[in-house]
């Protein structure tokens, strides 16, 4: 959910970039958004969340 919110915020900000001197920034933001939306990035985020959950559960078991 934080990733989707970040993408929405970037889309909103990007839509406000209209001036010629802002086009380089807009292009960079569009590239970042493309990366965030890619299936590879989504898969990596999924793996990261899984690893974080396993570590959390492992630490919880050790603490018992």
N, C-alpha and C. Protein backbone atom coordinates (compact mmCIF):
# COMPACT_ATOMS: atom_id res chain seq x y z
N UNK A 1 0.81 -1.21 0.00
CA UNK A 1 0.00 0.00 0.00
C UNK A 1 0.85 1.27 0.00
N UNK A 2 1.96 1.33 0.75
CA UNK A 2 2.79 2.54 0.68
C UNK A 2 3.34 2.79 -0.72
N UNK A 3 3.64 1.72 -1.45
CA UNK A 3 4.15 1.88 -2.82
C UNK A 3 3.08 2.48 -3.72
N UNK A 4 1.85 2.02 -3.59
CA UNK A 4 0.76 2.57 -4.40
C UNK A 4 0.53 4.04 -4.07
N UNK A 5 0.63 4.37 -2.80
CA UNK A 5 0.47 5.77 -2.39
C UNK A 5 1.60 6.62 -2.98
N UNK A 6 2.82 6.09 -2.95
CA UNK A 6 3.96 6.82 -3.52
C UNK A 6 3.75 7.06 -5.01
N UNK A 7 3.27 6.05 -5.71
CA UNK A 7 3.02 6.20 -7.15
C UNK A 7 1.95 7.25 -7.40
N UNK A 8 0.89 7.23 -6.61
CA UNK A 8 -0.18 8.23 -6.75
C UNK A 8 0.36 9.64 -6.50
N UNK A 9 1.17 9.79 -5.47
CA UNK A 9 1.74 11.10 -5.17
C UNK A 9 2.66 11.58 -6.30
N UNK A 10 3.46 10.66 -6.83
CA UNK A 10 4.34 11.02 -7.95
C UNK A 10 3.52 11.40 -9.18
N UNK A 11 2.44 10.65 -9.44
CA UNK A 11 1.59 10.98 -10.59
C UNK A 11 0.97 12.36 -10.43
N UNK A 12 0.48 12.66 -9.23
CA UNK A 12 -0.11 13.98 -8.97
C UNK A 12 0.92 15.08 -9.18
N UNK A 13 2.10 14.89 -8.61
CA UNK A 13 3.16 15.89 -8.72
C UNK A 13 3.57 16.06 -10.19
N UNK A 14 3.71 14.95 -10.87
CA UNK A 14 4.15 14.97 -12.26
C UNK A 14 3.14 15.71 -13.14
N UNK A 15 1.87 15.57 -12.84
CA UNK A 15 0.84 16.24 -13.64
C UNK A 15 0.90 17.76 -13.50
N UNK A 16 1.55 18.24 -12.46
CA UNK A 16 1.66 19.69 -12.23
C UNK A 16 2.89 20.29 -12.89
N UNK A 17 3.76 19.45 -13.40
CA UNK A 17 4.99 19.94 -14.04
C UNK A 17 4.69 20.28 -15.49
N UNK A 18 4.54 21.56 -15.77
CA UNK A 18 4.13 22.02 -17.10
C UNK A 18 5.20 22.87 -17.80
N UNK A 19 6.03 23.53 -17.03
CA UNK A 19 7.00 24.47 -17.60
C UNK A 19 8.12 23.72 -18.32
N UNK A 20 8.67 24.34 -19.36
CA UNK A 20 9.77 23.69 -20.10
C UNK A 20 10.95 23.31 -19.21
N UNK A 21 11.27 24.15 -18.24
CA UNK A 21 12.42 23.86 -17.37
C UNK A 21 12.13 22.72 -16.39
N UNK A 22 10.88 22.28 -16.32
CA UNK A 22 10.51 21.17 -15.43
C UNK A 22 10.45 19.83 -16.15
N UNK A 23 10.67 19.84 -17.46
CA UNK A 23 10.51 18.62 -18.24
C UNK A 23 11.56 17.56 -17.91
N UNK A 24 12.77 17.97 -17.58
CA UNK A 24 13.80 17.00 -17.21
C UNK A 24 13.40 16.29 -15.91
N UNK A 25 12.89 17.04 -14.96
CA UNK A 25 12.41 16.46 -13.71
C UNK A 25 11.23 15.53 -13.98
N UNK A 26 10.32 15.97 -14.83
CA UNK A 26 9.15 15.15 -15.16
C UNK A 26 9.57 13.83 -15.79
N UNK A 27 10.53 13.88 -16.69
CA UNK A 27 11.04 12.66 -17.33
C UNK A 27 11.64 11.71 -16.30
N UNK A 28 12.40 12.26 -15.37
CA UNK A 28 13.02 11.43 -14.33
C UNK A 28 11.95 10.79 -13.44
N UNK A 29 10.94 11.56 -13.09
CA UNK A 29 9.85 11.03 -12.25
C UNK A 29 9.09 9.93 -13.00
N UNK A 30 8.85 10.14 -14.28
CA UNK A 30 8.16 9.11 -15.08
C UNK A 30 8.98 7.82 -15.13
N UNK A 31 10.30 7.94 -15.21
CA UNK A 31 11.16 6.75 -15.19
C UNK A 31 11.04 6.02 -13.86
N UNK A 32 11.08 6.77 -12.77
CA UNK A 32 10.95 6.17 -11.44
C UNK A 32 9.60 5.47 -11.31
N UNK A 33 8.55 6.13 -11.78
CA UNK A 33 7.22 5.52 -11.72
C UNK A 33 7.17 4.23 -12.53
N UNK A 34 7.82 4.23 -13.67
CA UNK A 34 7.88 3.02 -14.50
C UNK A 34 8.57 1.87 -13.78
N UNK A 35 9.65 2.20 -13.07
CA UNK A 35 10.36 1.19 -12.29
C UNK A 35 9.46 0.67 -11.17
N UNK A 36 8.81 1.58 -10.45
CA UNK A 36 7.92 1.18 -9.36
C UNK A 36 6.80 0.28 -9.85
N UNK A 37 6.33 0.51 -11.06
CA UNK A 37 5.20 -0.26 -11.60
C UNK A 37 5.64 -1.57 -12.26
N UNK A 38 6.94 -1.76 -12.45
CA UNK A 38 7.42 -2.95 -13.15
C UNK A 38 7.18 -4.21 -12.33
N UNK A 39 6.98 -5.31 -13.03
CA UNK A 39 6.73 -6.58 -12.34
C UNK A 39 7.96 -7.03 -11.56
N UNK A 40 9.15 -6.75 -12.06
CA UNK A 40 10.37 -7.12 -11.33
C UNK A 40 10.44 -6.38 -10.01
N UNK A 41 10.20 -5.09 -10.02
CA UNK A 41 10.23 -4.31 -8.78
C UNK A 41 9.16 -4.81 -7.82
N UNK A 42 7.97 -5.08 -8.33
CA UNK A 42 6.89 -5.59 -7.48
C UNK A 42 7.28 -6.93 -6.85
N UNK A 43 7.92 -7.79 -7.63
CA UNK A 43 8.36 -9.08 -7.11
C UNK A 43 9.42 -8.90 -6.03
N UNK A 44 10.35 -8.00 -6.25
CA UNK A 44 11.39 -7.75 -5.24
C UNK A 44 10.80 -7.20 -3.95
N UNK A 45 9.83 -6.32 -4.07
CA UNK A 45 9.16 -5.79 -2.88
C UNK A 45 8.44 -6.92 -2.15
N UNK A 46 7.80 -7.80 -2.90
CA UNK A 46 7.13 -8.96 -2.30
C UNK A 46 8.10 -9.84 -1.54
N UNK A 47 9.26 -10.09 -2.13
CA UNK A 47 10.29 -10.90 -1.45
C UNK A 47 10.80 -10.20 -0.21
N UNK A 48 11.00 -8.91 -0.30
CA UNK A 48 11.46 -8.14 0.86
C UNK A 48 10.46 -8.24 2.01
N UNK A 49 9.19 -8.10 1.69
CA UNK A 49 8.16 -8.19 2.73
C UNK A 49 8.14 -9.59 3.35
N UNK A 50 8.34 -10.62 2.53
CA UNK A 50 8.38 -11.98 3.04
C UNK A 50 9.56 -12.17 3.98
N UNK A 51 10.73 -11.71 3.58
CA UNK A 51 11.92 -11.84 4.42
C UNK A 51 11.75 -11.08 5.73
N UNK A 52 11.19 -9.88 5.67
CA UNK A 52 10.96 -9.11 6.89
C UNK A 52 10.01 -9.86 7.82
N UNK A 53 8.99 -10.48 7.26
CA UNK A 53 8.03 -11.24 8.08
C UNK A 53 8.70 -12.46 8.72
N UNK A 54 9.53 -13.17 7.97
CA UNK A 54 10.24 -14.33 8.51
C UNK A 54 11.16 -13.91 9.64
N UNK A 55 11.89 -12.82 9.46
CA UNK A 55 12.78 -12.32 10.51
C UNK A 55 11.98 -11.93 11.74
N UNK A 56 10.86 -11.27 11.54
CA UNK A 56 10.01 -10.88 12.67
C UNK A 56 9.55 -12.11 13.44
N UNK A 57 9.06 -13.13 12.73
CA UNK A 57 8.59 -14.35 13.40
C UNK A 57 9.73 -15.08 14.09
N UNK A 58 10.88 -15.12 13.46
CA UNK A 58 12.05 -15.76 14.05
C UNK A 58 12.45 -15.06 15.35
N UNK A 59 12.51 -13.75 15.31
CA UNK A 59 12.87 -12.98 16.51
C UNK A 59 11.83 -13.15 17.61
N UNK A 60 10.58 -13.25 17.23
CA UNK A 60 9.52 -13.44 18.22
C UNK A 60 9.65 -14.81 18.89
N UNK A 61 10.00 -15.83 18.12
CA UNK A 61 10.18 -17.17 18.68
C UNK A 61 11.39 -17.23 19.61
N UNK A 62 12.45 -16.55 19.25
CA UNK A 62 13.66 -16.52 20.08
C UNK A 62 13.36 -15.82 21.40
N UNK A 63 12.52 -14.83 21.36
CA UNK A 63 12.20 -14.05 22.56
C UNK A 63 11.33 -14.79 23.56
N UNK A 64 10.77 -15.92 23.17
CA UNK A 64 9.88 -16.67 24.09
C UNK A 64 10.67 -17.41 25.14
